[in-house]
Amino acid sequence: MANTVRGARGEGVIMAGGREVHILYTNRALAEAEGQMGKSVLGVAQGFAGGDSSLGDLAHLLRAGMQAARRESGERRPVKLTEAYEVMDAVGFSEVASAVMQGVAAVLGYSADDEADDDTDPN
């Protein structure tokens, strides 16, 4: 059986007001967020640790993840930034920041070598 390579991806689900909000991070999604924020994702990630990143930065990253998940599901309607703020209002900064940064970290830390090591057959 052929192995399916998923590549640099970070996925998650945020429960907001009784509904599942799917997020997906890929290099494309992160590049789109960088364009919206006018900042590098690496700088924003470091800024969360140092207190230099803003609620707006998190909202842009969340919107990018929501948009990528929606695009992958085949839905064409774009995600508005107000939708990301609604999710943040429903569940709070900490829960959203945790889910977003886990997804971003999965993309930034991806190595094809690690994926190849996971596919080895121990038998």
PDB file of N, CA and C in Angstrom:
ATOM      1  N   MET A   1       0.846  -1.169   0.000  1.00  0.00           N
ATOM      2  CA  MET A   1       0.000   0.000   0.000  1.00  0.00           C
ATOM      3  C   MET A   1       0.894   1.235   0.000  1.00  0.00           C
ATOM      4  N   ALA A   2       0.530   2.234  -0.795  1.00  0.00           N
ATOM      5  CA  ALA A   2       1.304   3.471  -0.868  1.00  0.00           C
ATOM      6  C   ALA A   2       1.021   4.338   0.355  1.00  0.00           C
ATOM      7  N   ASN A   3       2.045   5.046   0.792  1.00  0.00           N
ATOM      8  CA  ASN A   3       1.890   5.971   1.913  1.00  0.00           C
ATOM      9  C   ASN A   3       1.340   7.296   1.406  1.00  0.00           C
ATOM     10  N   THR A   4       0.456   7.892   2.172  1.00  0.00           N
ATOM     11  CA  THR A   4      -0.063   9.206   1.848  1.00  0.00           C
ATOM     12  C   THR A   4       0.757  10.236   2.607  1.00  0.00           C
ATOM     13  N   VAL A   5       1.386  11.130   1.890  1.00  0.00           N
ATOM     14  CA  VAL A   5       2.191  12.171   2.506  1.00  0.00           C
ATOM     15  C   VAL A   5       1.307  13.385   2.726  1.00  0.00           C
ATOM     16  N   ARG A   6       1.211  13.797   3.975  1.00  0.00           N
ATOM     17  CA  ARG A   6       0.358  14.934   4.309  1.00  0.00           C
ATOM     18  C   ARG A   6       1.151  16.234   4.282  1.00  0.00           C
ATOM     19  N   GLY A   7       2.445  16.185   4.477  1.00  0.00           N
ATOM     20  CA  GLY A   7       3.268  17.374   4.398  1.00  0.00           C
ATOM     21  C   GLY A   7       3.151  18.271   5.608  1.00  0.00           C
ATOM     22  N   ALA A   8       3.561  19.513   5.406  1.00  0.00           N
ATOM     23  CA  ALA A   8       3.581  20.507   6.483  1.00  0.00           C
ATOM     24  C   ALA A   8       2.156  20.996   6.744  1.00  0.00           C
ATOM     25  N   ARG A   9       1.535  20.417   7.762  1.00  0.00           N
ATOM     26  CA  ARG A   9       0.146  20.739   8.094  1.00  0.00           C
ATOM     27  C   ARG A   9      -0.029  20.758   9.601  1.00  0.00           C
ATOM     28  N   GLY A  10      -0.857  21.671  10.048  1.00  0.00           N
ATOM     29  CA  GLY A  10      -1.268  21.705  11.440  1.00  0.00           C
ATOM     30  C   GLY A  10      -2.770  21.883  11.470  1.00  0.00           C
ATOM     31  N   GLU A  11      -3.477  20.940  12.061  1.00  0.00           N
ATOM     32  CA  GLU A  11      -4.934  20.966  12.055  1.00  0.00           C
ATOM     33  C   GLU A  11      -5.478  20.966  13.472  1.00  0.00           C
ATOM     34  N   GLY A  12      -6.672  21.505  13.633  1.00  0.00           N
ATOM     35  CA  GLY A  12      -7.301  21.511  14.939  1.00  0.00           C
ATOM     36  C   GLY A  12      -8.776  21.840  14.837  1.00  0.00           C
ATOM     37  N   VAL A  13      -9.458  21.690  15.966  1.00  0.00           N
ATOM     38  CA  VAL A  13     -10.873  22.019  16.071  1.00  0.00           C
ATOM     39  C   VAL A  13     -11.054  22.820  17.349  1.00  0.00           C
ATOM     40  N   ILE A  14     -11.756  23.932  17.229  1.00  0.00           N
ATOM     41  CA  ILE A  14     -12.102  24.758  18.379  1.00  0.00           C
ATOM     42  C   ILE A  14     -13.612  24.652  18.556  1.00  0.00           C
ATOM     43  N   MET A  15     -14.051  24.297  19.753  1.00  0.00           N
ATOM     44  CA  MET A  15     -15.490  24.255  20.039  1.00  0.00           C
ATOM     45  C   MET A  15     -15.932  25.649  20.472  1.00  0.00           C
ATOM     46  N   ALA A  16     -16.802  26.257  19.685  1.00  0.00           N
ATOM     47  CA  ALA A  16     -17.245  27.631  19.946  1.00  0.00           C
ATOM     48  C   ALA A  16     -18.767  27.695  19.875  1.00  0.00           C
ATOM     49  N   GLY A  17     -19.391  27.897  21.014  1.00  0.00           N
ATOM     50  CA  GLY A  17     -20.840  28.041  21.030  1.00  0.00           C
ATOM     51  C   GLY A  17     -21.581  26.832  20.498  1.00  0.00           C
ATOM     52  N   GLY A  18     -21.085  25.631  20.802  1.00  0.00           N
ATOM     53  CA  GLY A  18     -21.753  24.414  20.362  1.00  0.00           C
ATOM     54  C   GLY A  18     -21.448  24.003  18.933  1.00  0.00           C
ATOM     55  N   ARG A  19     -20.550  24.690  18.274  1.00  0.00           N
ATOM     56  CA  ARG A  19     -20.192  24.293  16.901  1.00  0.00           C
ATOM     57  C   ARG A  19     -18.700  24.069  16.801  1.00  0.00           C
ATOM     58  N   GLU A  20     -18.322  23.231  15.877  1.00  0.00           N
ATOM     59  CA  GLU A  20     -16.916  22.948  15.626  1.00  0.00           C
ATOM     60  C   GLU A  20     -16.366  23.947  14.615  1.00  0.00           C
ATOM     61  N   VAL A  21     -15.279  24.600  14.976  1.00  0.00           N
ATOM     62  CA  VAL A  21     -14.579  25.499  14.061  1.00  0.00           C
ATOM     63  C   VAL A  21     -13.268  24.813  13.696  1.00  0.00           C
ATOM     64  N   HIS A  22     -13.175  24.387  12.459  1.00  0.00           N
ATOM     65  CA  HIS A  22     -11.981  23.679  11.990  1.00  0.00           C
ATOM     66  C   HIS A  22     -10.937  24.697  11.550  1.00  0.00           C
ATOM     67  N   ILE A  23      -9.692  24.408  11.914  1.00  0.00           N
ATOM     68  CA  ILE A  23      -8.579  25.237  11.471  1.00  0.00           C
ATOM     69  C   ILE A  23      -7.529  24.344  10.838  1.00  0.00           C
ATOM     70  N   LEU A  24      -6.868  24.875   9.826  1.00  0.00           N
ATOM     71  CA  LEU A  24      -5.834  24.155   9.090  1.00  0.00           C
ATOM     72  C   LEU A  24      -4.728  25.141   8.758  1.00  0.00           C
ATOM     73  N   TYR A  25      -3.517  24.776   9.088  1.00  0.00           N
ATOM     74  CA  TYR A  25      -2.369  25.614   8.756  1.00  0.00           C
ATOM     75  C   TYR A  25      -1.465  24.866   7.797  1.00  0.00           C
ATOM     76  N   THR A  26      -1.107  25.560   6.741  1.00  0.00           N
ATOM     77  CA  THR A  26      -0.161  25.096   5.739  1.00  0.00           C
ATOM     78  C   THR A  26       0.768  26.272   5.462  1.00  0.00           C
ATOM     79  N   ASN A  27       1.787  26.058   4.675  1.00  0.00           N
ATOM     80  CA  ASN A  27       2.643  27.179   4.307  1.00  0.00           C
ATOM     81  C   ASN A  27       1.846  28.263   3.582  1.00  0.00           C
ATOM     82  N   ARG A  28       0.921  27.856   2.732  1.00  0.00           N
ATOM     83  CA  ARG A  28       0.081  28.827   2.023  1.00  0.00           C
ATOM     84  C   ARG A  28      -0.742  29.656   3.001  1.00  0.00           C
ATOM     85  N   ALA A  29      -1.367  29.007   3.977  1.00  0.00           N
ATOM     86  CA  ALA A  29      -2.189  29.720   4.951  1.00  0.00           C
ATOM     87  C   ALA A  29      -1.340  30.700   5.753  1.00  0.00           C
ATOM     88  N   LEU A  30      -0.134  30.291   6.130  1.00  0.00           N
ATOM     89  CA  LEU A  30       0.737  31.177   6.904  1.00  0.00           C
ATOM     90  C   LEU A  30       1.195  32.360   6.061  1.00  0.00           C
ATOM     91  N   ALA A  31       1.491  32.128   4.792  1.00  0.00           N
ATOM     92  CA  ALA A  31       1.896  33.225   3.908  1.00  0.00           C
ATOM     93  C   ALA A  31       0.746  34.220   3.723  1.00  0.00           C
ATOM     94  N   GLU A  32      -0.479  33.708   3.618  1.00  0.00           N
ATOM     95  CA  GLU A  32      -1.632  34.597   3.504  1.00  0.00           C
ATOM     96  C   GLU A  32      -1.794  35.434   4.768  1.00  0.00           C
ATOM     97  N   ALA A  33      -1.591  34.823   5.929  1.00  0.00           N
ATOM     98  CA  ALA A  33      -1.686  35.565   7.192  1.00  0.00           C
ATOM     99  C   ALA A  33      -0.602  36.636   7.263  1.00  0.00           C
ATOM    100  N   GLU A  34       0.603  36.298   6.829  1.00  0.00           N
ATOM    101  CA  GLU A  34       1.684  37.287   6.833  1.00  0.00           C
ATOM    102  C   GLU A  34       1.315  38.494   5.971  1.00  0.00           C
ATOM    103  N   GLY A  35       0.713  38.236   4.825  1.00  0.00           N
ATOM    104  CA  GLY A  35       0.290  39.324   3.947  1.00  0.00           C
ATOM    105  C   GLY A  35      -0.742  40.225   4.606  1.00  0.00           C
ATOM    106  N   GLN A  36      -1.666  39.624   5.353  1.00  0.00           N
ATOM    107  CA  GLN A  36      -2.694  40.396   6.037  1.00  0.00           C
ATOM    108  C   GLN A  36      -2.139  41.192   7.211  1.00  0.00           C
ATOM    109  N   MET A  37      -1.201  40.598   7.937  1.00  0.00           N
ATOM    110  CA  MET A  37      -0.658  41.238   9.132  1.00  0.00           C
ATOM    111  C   MET A  37       0.467  42.216   8.813  1.00  0.00           C
ATOM    112  N   GLY A  38       1.156  41.990   7.695  1.00  0.00           N
ATOM    113  CA  GLY A  38       2.332  42.785   7.385  1.00  0.00           C
ATOM    114  C   GLY A  38       3.504  42.438   8.298  1.00  0.00           C
ATOM    115  N   LYS A  39       3.476  41.229   8.855  1.00  0.00           N
ATOM    116  CA  LYS A  39       4.515  40.745   9.763  1.00  0.00           C
ATOM    117  C   LYS A  39       4.797  39.293   9.432  1.00  0.00           C
ATOM    118  N   SER A  40       5.986  38.831   9.823  1.00  0.00           N
ATOM    119  CA  SER A  40       6.291  37.417   9.622  1.00  0.00           C
ATOM    120  C   SER A  40       5.615  36.581  10.710  1.00  0.00           C
ATOM    121  N   VAL A  41       5.231  35.382  10.348  1.00  0.00           N
ATOM    122  CA  VAL A  41       4.623  34.469  11.319  1.00  0.00           C
ATOM    123  C   VAL A  41       5.620  34.132  12.423  1.00  0.00           C
ATOM    124  N   LEU A  42       6.879  33.986  12.057  1.00  0.00           N
ATOM    125  CA  LEU A  42       7.897  33.710  13.080  1.00  0.00           C
ATOM    126  C   LEU A  42       7.966  34.841  14.102  1.00  0.00           C
ATOM    127  N   GLY A  43       7.927  36.073  13.630  1.00  0.00           N
ATOM    128  CA  GLY A  43       7.957  37.217  14.528  1.00  0.00           C
ATOM    129  C   GLY A  43       6.735  37.281  15.420  1.00  0.00           C
ATOM    130  N   VAL A  44       5.579  36.964  14.852  1.00  0.00           N
ATOM    131  CA  VAL A  44       4.342  36.968  15.638  1.00  0.00           C
ATOM    132  C   VAL A  44       4.387  35.865  16.691  1.00  0.00           C
ATOM    133  N   ALA A  45       4.844  34.675  16.309  1.00  0.00           N
ATOM    134  CA  ALA A  45       4.937  33.566  17.265  1.00  0.00           C
ATOM    135  C   ALA A  45       5.868  33.932  18.414  1.00  0.00           C
ATOM    136  N   GLN A  46       6.997  34.502  18.104  1.00  0.00           N
ATOM    137  CA  GLN A  46       7.922  34.935  19.148  1.00  0.00           C
ATOM    138  C   GLN A  46       7.313  36.057  19.975  1.00  0.00           C
ATOM    139  N   GLY A  47       6.522  36.902  19.321  1.00  0.00           N
ATOM    140  CA  GLY A  47       5.869  38.006  20.012  1.00  0.00           C
ATOM    141  C   GLY A  47       4.861  37.555  21.043  1.00  0.00           C
ATOM    142  N   PHE A  48       4.217  36.426  20.811  1.00  0.00           N
ATOM    143  CA  PHE A  48       3.280  35.914  21.820  1.00  0.00           C
ATOM    144  C   PHE A  48       4.026  35.522  23.088  1.00  0.00           C
ATOM    145  N   ALA A  49       5.207  34.967  22.922  1.00  0.00           N
ATOM    146  CA  ALA A  49       6.008  34.593  24.094  1.00  0.00           C
ATOM    147  C   ALA A  49       6.516  35.834  24.824  1.00  0.00           C
ATOM    148  N   GLY A  50       6.841  36.884  24.059  1.00  0.00           N
ATOM    149  CA  GLY A  50       7.410  38.085  24.660  1.00  0.00           C
ATOM    150  C   GLY A  50       6.405  39.191  24.940  1.00  0.00           C
ATOM    151  N   GLY A  51       5.149  38.974  24.567  1.00  0.00           N
ATOM    152  CA  GLY A  51       4.129  39.986  24.821  1.00  0.00           C
ATOM    153  C   GLY A  51       4.052  41.081  23.777  1.00  0.00           C
ATOM    154  N   ASP A  52       4.676  40.880  22.614  1.00  0.00           N
ATOM    155  CA  ASP A  52       4.687  41.910  21.577  1.00  0.00           C
ATOM    156  C   ASP A  52       3.629  41.715  20.499  1.00  0.00           C
ATOM    157  N   SER A  53       2.978  40.563  20.446  1.00  0.00           N
ATOM    158  CA  SER A  53       1.941  40.319  19.451  1.00  0.00           C
ATOM    159  C   SER A  53       0.592  40.734  20.006  1.00  0.00           C
ATOM    160  N   SER A  54      -0.321  41.018  19.094  1.00  0.00           N
ATOM    161  CA  SER A  54      -1.602  41.602  19.492  1.00  0.00           C
ATOM    162  C   SER A  54      -2.773  40.652  19.284  1.00  0.00           C
ATOM    163  N   LEU A  55      -3.918  41.055  19.805  1.00  0.00           N
ATOM    164  CA  LEU A  55      -5.159  40.329  19.551  1.00  0.00           C
ATOM    165  C   LEU A  55      -5.455  40.295  18.058  1.00  0.00           C
ATOM    166  N   GLY A  56      -5.152  41.382  17.389  1.00  0.00           N
ATOM    167  CA  GLY A  56      -5.357  41.433  15.936  1.00  0.00           C
ATOM    168  C   GLY A  56      -4.508  40.414  15.204  1.00  0.00           C
ATOM    169  N   ASP A  57      -3.261  40.230  15.655  1.00  0.00           N
ATOM    170  CA  ASP A  57      -2.396  39.214  15.040  1.00  0.00           C
ATOM    171  C   ASP A  57      -3.019  37.833  15.183  1.00  0.00           C
ATOM    172  N   LEU A  58      -3.516  37.535  16.375  1.00  0.00           N
ATOM    173  CA  LEU A  58      -4.141  36.232  16.609  1.00  0.00           C
ATOM    174  C   LEU A  58      -5.383  36.071  15.734  1.00  0.00           C
ATOM    175  N   ALA A  59      -6.179  37.120  15.621  1.00  0.00           N
ATOM    176  CA  ALA A  59      -7.387  37.052  14.786  1.00  0.00           C
ATOM    177  C   ALA A  59      -7.033  36.774  13.329  1.00  0.00           C
ATOM    178  N   HIS A  60      -5.977  37.399  12.825  1.00  0.00           N
ATOM    179  CA  HIS A  60      -5.561  37.152  11.438  1.00  0.00           C
ATOM    180  C   HIS A  60      -5.071  35.723  11.252  1.00  0.00           C
ATOM    181  N   LEU A  61      -4.323  35.215  12.212  1.00  0.00           N
ATOM    182  CA  LEU A  61      -3.867  33.822  12.124  1.00  0.00           C
ATOM    183  C   LEU A  61      -5.042  32.856  12.203  1.00  0.00           C
ATOM    184  N   LEU A  62      -5.994  33.134  13.089  1.00  0.00           N
ATOM    185  CA  LEU A  62      -7.178  32.280  13.195  1.00  0.00           C
ATOM    186  C   LEU A  62      -7.977  32.305  11.901  1.00  0.00           C
ATOM    187  N   ARG A  63      -8.194  33.494  11.342  1.00  0.00           N
ATOM    188  CA  ARG A  63      -8.946  33.605  10.086  1.00  0.00           C
ATOM    189  C   ARG A  63      -8.257  32.816   8.978  1.00  0.00           C
ATOM    190  N   ALA A  64      -6.924  32.898   8.908  1.00  0.00           N
ATOM    191  CA  ALA A  64      -6.191  32.157   7.875  1.00  0.00           C
ATOM    192  C   ALA A  64      -6.378  30.651   8.044  1.00  0.00           C
ATOM    193  N   GLY A  65      -6.355  30.170   9.282  1.00  0.00           N
ATOM    194  CA  GLY A  65      -6.568  28.744   9.535  1.00  0.00           C
ATOM    195  C   GLY A  65      -7.983  28.307   9.221  1.00  0.00           C
ATOM    196  N   MET A  66      -8.951  29.150   9.573  1.00  0.00           N
ATOM    197  CA  MET A  66     -10.352  28.841   9.253  1.00  0.00           C
ATOM    198  C   MET A  66     -10.558  28.817   7.740  1.00  0.00           C
ATOM    199  N   GLN A  67      -9.936  29.768   7.030  1.00  0.00           N
ATOM    200  CA  GLN A  67     -10.072  29.845   5.579  1.00  0.00           C
ATOM    201  C   GLN A  67      -9.459  28.630   4.902  1.00  0.00           C
ATOM    202  N   ALA A  68      -8.290  28.215   5.354  1.00  0.00           N
ATOM    203  CA  ALA A  68      -7.642  27.044   4.751  1.00  0.00           C
ATOM    204  C   ALA A  68      -8.475  25.786   4.975  1.00  0.00           C
ATOM    205  N   ALA A  69      -9.046  25.642   6.168  1.00  0.00           N
ATOM    206  CA  ALA A  69      -9.897  24.474   6.442  1.00  0.00           C
ATOM    207  C   ALA A  69     -11.149  24.513   5.573  1.00  0.00           C
ATOM    208  N   ARG A  70     -11.721  25.692   5.439  1.00  0.00           N
ATOM    209  CA  ARG A  70     -12.923  25.833   4.605  1.00  0.00           C
ATOM    210  C   ARG A  70     -12.592  25.532   3.145  1.00  0.00           C
ATOM    211  N   ARG A  71     -11.468  26.047   2.675  1.00  0.00           N
ATOM    212  CA  ARG A  71     -11.056  25.812   1.284  1.00  0.00           C
ATOM    213  C   ARG A  71     -10.854  24.323   1.038  1.00  0.00           C
ATOM    214  N   GLU A  72     -10.205  23.634   1.999  1.00  0.00           N
ATOM    215  CA  GLU A  72      -9.968  22.203   1.821  1.00  0.00           C
ATOM    216  C   GLU A  72     -11.263  21.400   1.805  1.00  0.00           C
ATOM    217  N   SER A  73     -12.263  21.871   2.536  1.00  0.00           N
ATOM    218  CA  SER A  73     -13.543  21.154   2.569  1.00  0.00           C
ATOM    219  C   SER A  73     -14.362  21.373   1.297  1.00  0.00           C
ATOM    220  N   GLY A  74     -13.889  22.281   0.440  1.00  0.00           N
ATOM    221  CA  GLY A  74     -14.587  22.541  -0.818  1.00  0.00           C
ATOM    222  C   GLY A  74     -15.539  23.722  -0.755  1.00  0.00           C
ATOM    223  N   GLU A  75     -15.668  24.329   0.417  1.00  0.00           N
ATOM    224  CA  GLU A  75     -16.553  25.490   0.541  1.00  0.00           C
ATOM    225  C   GLU A  75     -15.828  26.717   0.003  1.00  0.00           C
ATOM    226  N   ARG A  76     -16.518  27.492  -0.805  1.00  0.00           N
ATOM    227  CA  ARG A  76     -15.892  28.615  -1.491  1.00  0.00           C
ATOM    228  C   ARG A  76     -16.056  29.948  -0.763  1.00  0.00           C
ATOM    229  N   ARG A  77     -17.006  30.058   0.146  1.00  0.00           N
ATOM    230  CA  ARG A  77     -17.259  31.332   0.815  1.00  0.00           C
ATOM    231  C   ARG A  77     -16.058  31.712   1.676  1.00  0.00           C
ATOM    232  N   PRO A  78     -15.533  32.926   1.492  1.00  0.00           N
ATOM    233  CA  PRO A  78     -14.380  33.335   2.295  1.00  0.00           C
ATOM    234  C   PRO A  78     -14.751  33.581   3.760  1.00  0.00           C
ATOM    235  N   VAL A  79     -13.785  33.391   4.631  1.00  0.00           N
ATOM    236  CA  VAL A  79     -13.963  33.661   6.057  1.00  0.00           C
ATOM    237  C   VAL A  79     -13.659  35.135   6.289  1.00  0.00           C
ATOM    238  N   LYS A  80     -14.560  35.806   6.947  1.00  0.00           N
ATOM    239  CA  LYS A  80     -14.354  37.219   7.272  1.00  0.00           C
ATOM    240  C   LYS A  80     -13.617  37.318   8.601  1.00  0.00           C
ATOM    241  N   LEU A  81     -12.859  38.384   8.756  1.00  0.00           N
ATOM    242  CA  LEU A  81     -12.131  38.606   9.990  1.00  0.00           C
ATOM    243  C   LEU A  81     -13.100  38.689  11.180  1.00  0.00           C
ATOM    244  N   THR A  82     -14.293  39.197  10.951  1.00  0.00           N
ATOM    245  CA  THR A  82     -15.278  39.274  12.043  1.00  0.00           C
ATOM    246  C   THR A  82     -15.658  37.894  12.556  1.00  0.00           C
ATOM    247  N   GLU A  83     -15.617  36.887  11.691  1.00  0.00           N
ATOM    248  CA  GLU A  83     -15.908  35.516  12.127  1.00  0.00           C
ATOM    249  C   GLU A  83     -14.831  35.019  13.091  1.00  0.00           C
ATOM    250  N   ALA A  84     -13.587  35.375  12.817  1.00  0.00           N
ATOM    251  CA  ALA A  84     -12.500  34.981  13.713  1.00  0.00           C
ATOM    252  C   ALA A  84     -12.682  35.655  15.071  1.00  0.00           C
ATOM    253  N   TYR A  85     -13.044  36.926  15.075  1.00  0.00           N
ATOM    254  CA  TYR A  85     -13.278  37.618  16.346  1.00  0.00           C
ATOM    255  C   TYR A  85     -14.454  36.999  17.105  1.00  0.00           C
ATOM    256  N   GLU A  86     -15.478  36.548  16.399  1.00  0.00           N
ATOM    257  CA  GLU A  86     -16.613  35.890  17.061  1.00  0.00           C
ATOM    258  C   GLU A  86     -16.164  34.618  17.773  1.00  0.00           C
ATOM    259  N   VAL A  87     -15.280  33.853  17.147  1.00  0.00           N
ATOM    260  CA  VAL A  87     -14.744  32.642  17.779  1.00  0.00           C
ATOM    261  C   VAL A  87     -13.930  33.035  19.012  1.00  0.00           C
ATOM    262  N   MET A  88     -13.104  34.051  18.884  1.00  0.00           N
ATOM    263  CA  MET A  88     -12.295  34.507  20.020  1.00  0.00           C
ATOM    264  C   MET A  88     -13.188  34.974  21.168  1.00  0.00           C
ATOM    265  N   ASP A  89     -14.273  35.673  20.843  1.00  0.00           N
ATOM    266  CA  ASP A  89     -15.201  36.133  21.878  1.00  0.00           C
ATOM    267  C   ASP A  89     -15.893  34.952  22.556  1.00  0.00           C
ATOM    268  N   ALA A  90     -16.183  33.904  21.786  1.00  0.00           N
ATOM    269  CA  ALA A  90     -16.923  32.757  22.318  1.00  0.00           C
ATOM    270  C   ALA A  90     -16.071  31.897  23.257  1.00  0.00           C
ATOM    271  N   VAL A  91     -14.781  31.717  22.931  1.00  0.00           N
ATOM    272  CA  VAL A  91     -13.971  30.777  23.721  1.00  0.00           C
ATOM    273  C   VAL A  91     -12.825  31.428  24.485  1.00  0.00           C
ATOM    274  N   GLY A  92     -12.462  32.639  24.133  1.00  0.00           N
ATOM    275  CA  GLY A  92     -11.398  33.337  24.838  1.00  0.00           C
ATOM    276  C   GLY A  92     -10.053  33.258  24.149  1.00  0.00           C
ATOM    277  N   PHE A  93      -9.225  34.210  24.511  1.00  0.00           N
ATOM    278  CA  PHE A  93      -7.900  34.352  23.906  1.00  0.00           C
ATOM    279  C   PHE A  93      -7.043  33.105  24.101  1.00  0.00           C
ATOM    280  N   SER A  94      -6.962  32.613  25.322  1.00  0.00           N
ATOM    281  CA  SER A  94      -6.038  31.515  25.638  1.00  0.00           C
ATOM    282  C   SER A  94      -6.330  30.257  24.839  1.00  0.00           C
ATOM    283  N   GLU A  95      -7.609  29.885  24.750  1.00  0.00           N
ATOM    284  CA  GLU A  95      -7.953  28.663  24.011  1.00  0.00           C
ATOM    285  C   GLU A  95      -7.650  28.815  22.530  1.00  0.00           C
ATOM    286  N   VAL A  96      -7.976  29.974  21.974  1.00  0.00           N
ATOM    287  CA  VAL A  96      -7.698  30.205  20.555  1.00  0.00           C
ATOM    288  C   VAL A  96      -6.187  30.248  20.323  1.00  0.00           C
ATOM    289  N   ALA A  97      -5.468  30.972  21.160  1.00  0.00           N
ATOM    290  CA  ALA A  97      -4.016  31.079  20.992  1.00  0.00           C
ATOM    291  C   ALA A  97      -3.357  29.703  21.060  1.00  0.00           C
ATOM    292  N   SER A  98      -3.800  28.858  21.966  1.00  0.00           N
ATOM    293  CA  SER A  98      -3.238  27.519  22.087  1.00  0.00           C
ATOM    294  C   SER A  98      -3.456  26.710  20.813  1.00  0.00           C
ATOM    295  N   ALA A  99      -4.692  26.688  20.313  1.00  0.00           N
ATOM    296  CA  ALA A  99      -5.010  25.910  19.111  1.00  0.00           C
ATOM    297  C   ALA A  99      -4.267  26.449  17.893  1.00  0.00           C
ATOM    298  N   VAL A 100      -4.242  27.765  17.746  1.00  0.00           N
ATOM    299  CA  VAL A 100      -3.576  28.385  16.597  1.00  0.00           C
ATOM    300  C   VAL A 100      -2.079  28.122  16.642  1.00  0.00           C
ATOM    301  N   MET A 101      -1.461  28.344  17.779  1.00  0.00           N
ATOM    302  CA  MET A 101      -0.015  28.202  17.846  1.00  0.00           C
ATOM    303  C   MET A 101       0.426  26.743  17.717  1.00  0.00           C
ATOM    304  N   GLN A 102      -0.400  25.790  18.152  1.00  0.00           N
ATOM    305  CA  GLN A 102      -0.082  24.376  17.922  1.00  0.00           C
ATOM    306  C   GLN A 102      -0.072  24.082  16.423  1.00  0.00           C
ATOM    307  N   GLY A 103      -1.058  24.614  15.716  1.00  0.00           N
ATOM    308  CA  GLY A 103      -1.123  24.414  14.271  1.00  0.00           C
ATOM    309  C   GLY A 103       0.031  25.069  13.543  1.00  0.00           C
ATOM    310  N   VAL A 104       0.351  26.299  13.931  1.00  0.00           N
ATOM    311  CA  VAL A 104       1.463  27.024  13.320  1.00  0.00           C
ATOM    312  C   VAL A 104       2.777  26.286  13.599  1.00  0.00           C
ATOM    313  N   ALA A 105       2.967  25.836  14.828  1.00  0.00           N
ATOM    314  CA  ALA A 105       4.197  25.126  15.195  1.00  0.00           C
ATOM    315  C   ALA A 105       4.364  23.840  14.391  1.00  0.00           C
ATOM    316  N   ALA A 106       3.251  23.162  14.105  1.00  0.00           N
ATOM    317  CA  ALA A 106       3.332  21.926  13.319  1.00  0.00           C
ATOM    318  C   ALA A 106       3.874  22.207  11.922  1.00  0.00           C
ATOM    319  N   VAL A 107       3.484  23.333  11.343  1.00  0.00           N
ATOM    320  CA  VAL A 107       3.977  23.686  10.007  1.00  0.00           C
ATOM    321  C   VAL A 107       5.431  24.132  10.079  1.00  0.00           C
ATOM    322  N   LEU A 108       5.730  25.020  11.012  1.00  0.00           N
ATOM    323  CA  LEU A 108       7.086  25.553  11.111  1.00  0.00           C
ATOM    324  C   LEU A 108       8.100  24.481  11.491  1.00  0.00           C
ATOM    325  N   GLY A 109       7.673  23.476  12.255  1.00  0.00           N
ATOM    326  CA  GLY A 109       8.579  22.424  12.692  1.00  0.00           C
ATOM    327  C   GLY A 109       8.596  21.197  11.807  1.00  0.00           C
ATOM    328  N   TYR A 110       7.853  21.228  10.706  1.00  0.00           N
ATOM    329  CA  TYR A 110       7.754  20.062   9.830  1.00  0.00           C
ATOM    330  C   TYR A 110       9.081  19.737   9.155  1.00  0.00           C
ATOM    331  N   SER A 111       9.367  18.462   9.066  1.00  0.00           N
ATOM    332  CA  SER A 111      10.517  17.966   8.316  1.00  0.00           C
ATOM    333  C   SER A 111      10.093  16.709   7.577  1.00  0.00           C
ATOM    334  N   ALA A 112      10.331  16.672   6.286  1.00  0.00           N
ATOM    335  CA  ALA A 112       9.995  15.484   5.498  1.00  0.00           C
ATOM    336  C   ALA A 112      10.754  14.272   6.013  1.00  0.00           C
ATOM    337  N   ASP A 113      11.937  14.498   6.562  1.00  0.00           N
ATOM    338  CA  ASP A 113      12.719  13.392   7.115  1.00  0.00           C
ATOM    339  C   ASP A 113      11.986  12.743   8.282  1.00  0.00           C
ATOM    340  N   ASP A 114      11.351  13.544   9.129  1.00  0.00           N
ATOM    341  CA  ASP A 114      10.586  13.009  10.256  1.00  0.00           C
ATOM    342  C   ASP A 114       9.419  12.173   9.766  1.00  0.00           C
ATOM    343  N   GLU A 115       8.767  12.618   8.707  1.00  0.00           N
ATOM    344  CA  GLU A 115       7.630  11.885   8.163  1.00  0.00           C
ATOM    345  C   GLU A 115       8.086  10.546   7.599  1.00  0.00           C
ATOM    346  N   ALA A 116       9.221  10.524   6.931  1.00  0.00           N
ATOM    347  CA  ALA A 116       9.752   9.278   6.375  1.00  0.00           C
ATOM    348  C   ALA A 116      10.098   8.305   7.498  1.00  0.00           C
ATOM    349  N   ASP A 117      10.629   8.811   8.601  1.00  0.00           N
ATOM    350  CA  ASP A 117      10.969   7.948   9.733  1.00  0.00           C
ATOM    351  C   ASP A 117       9.724   7.316  10.339  1.00  0.00           C
ATOM    352  N   ASP A 118       8.587   8.019  10.330  1.00  0.00           N
ATOM    353  CA  ASP A 118       7.352   7.517  10.893  1.00  0.00           C
ATOM    354  C   ASP A 118       6.752   6.397  10.052  1.00  0.00           C
ATOM    355  N   ASP A 119       7.124   6.319   8.777  1.00  0.00           N
ATOM    356  CA  ASP A 119       6.515   5.344   7.874  1.00  0.00           C
ATOM    357  C   ASP A 119       7.294   4.038   7.793  1.00  0.00           C
ATOM    358  N   THR A 120       8.362   3.880   8.528  1.00  0.00           N
ATOM    359  CA  THR A 120       9.136   2.654   8.447  1.00  0.00           C
ATOM    360  C   THR A 120       8.372   1.515   9.085  1.00  0.00           C
ATOM    361  N   ASP A 121       8.440   0.373   8.493  1.00  0.00           N
ATOM    362  CA  ASP A 121       7.756  -0.812   8.990  1.00  0.00           C
ATOM    363  C   ASP A 121       8.668  -1.530   9.988  1.00  0.00           C
ATOM    364  N   PRO A 122       8.222  -1.675  11.230  1.00  0.00           N
ATOM    365  CA  PRO A 122       9.084  -2.301  12.237  1.00  0.00           C
ATOM    366  C   PRO A 122       9.220  -3.809  12.053  1.00  0.00           C
ATOM    367  N   ASN A 123       8.456  -4.424  11.152  1.00  0.00           N
ATOM    368  CA  ASN A 123       8.509  -5.886  10.953  1.00  0.00           C
ATOM    369  C   ASN A 123       9.504  -6.290   9.922  1.00  0.00           C
TER     370      ASN A 123
END
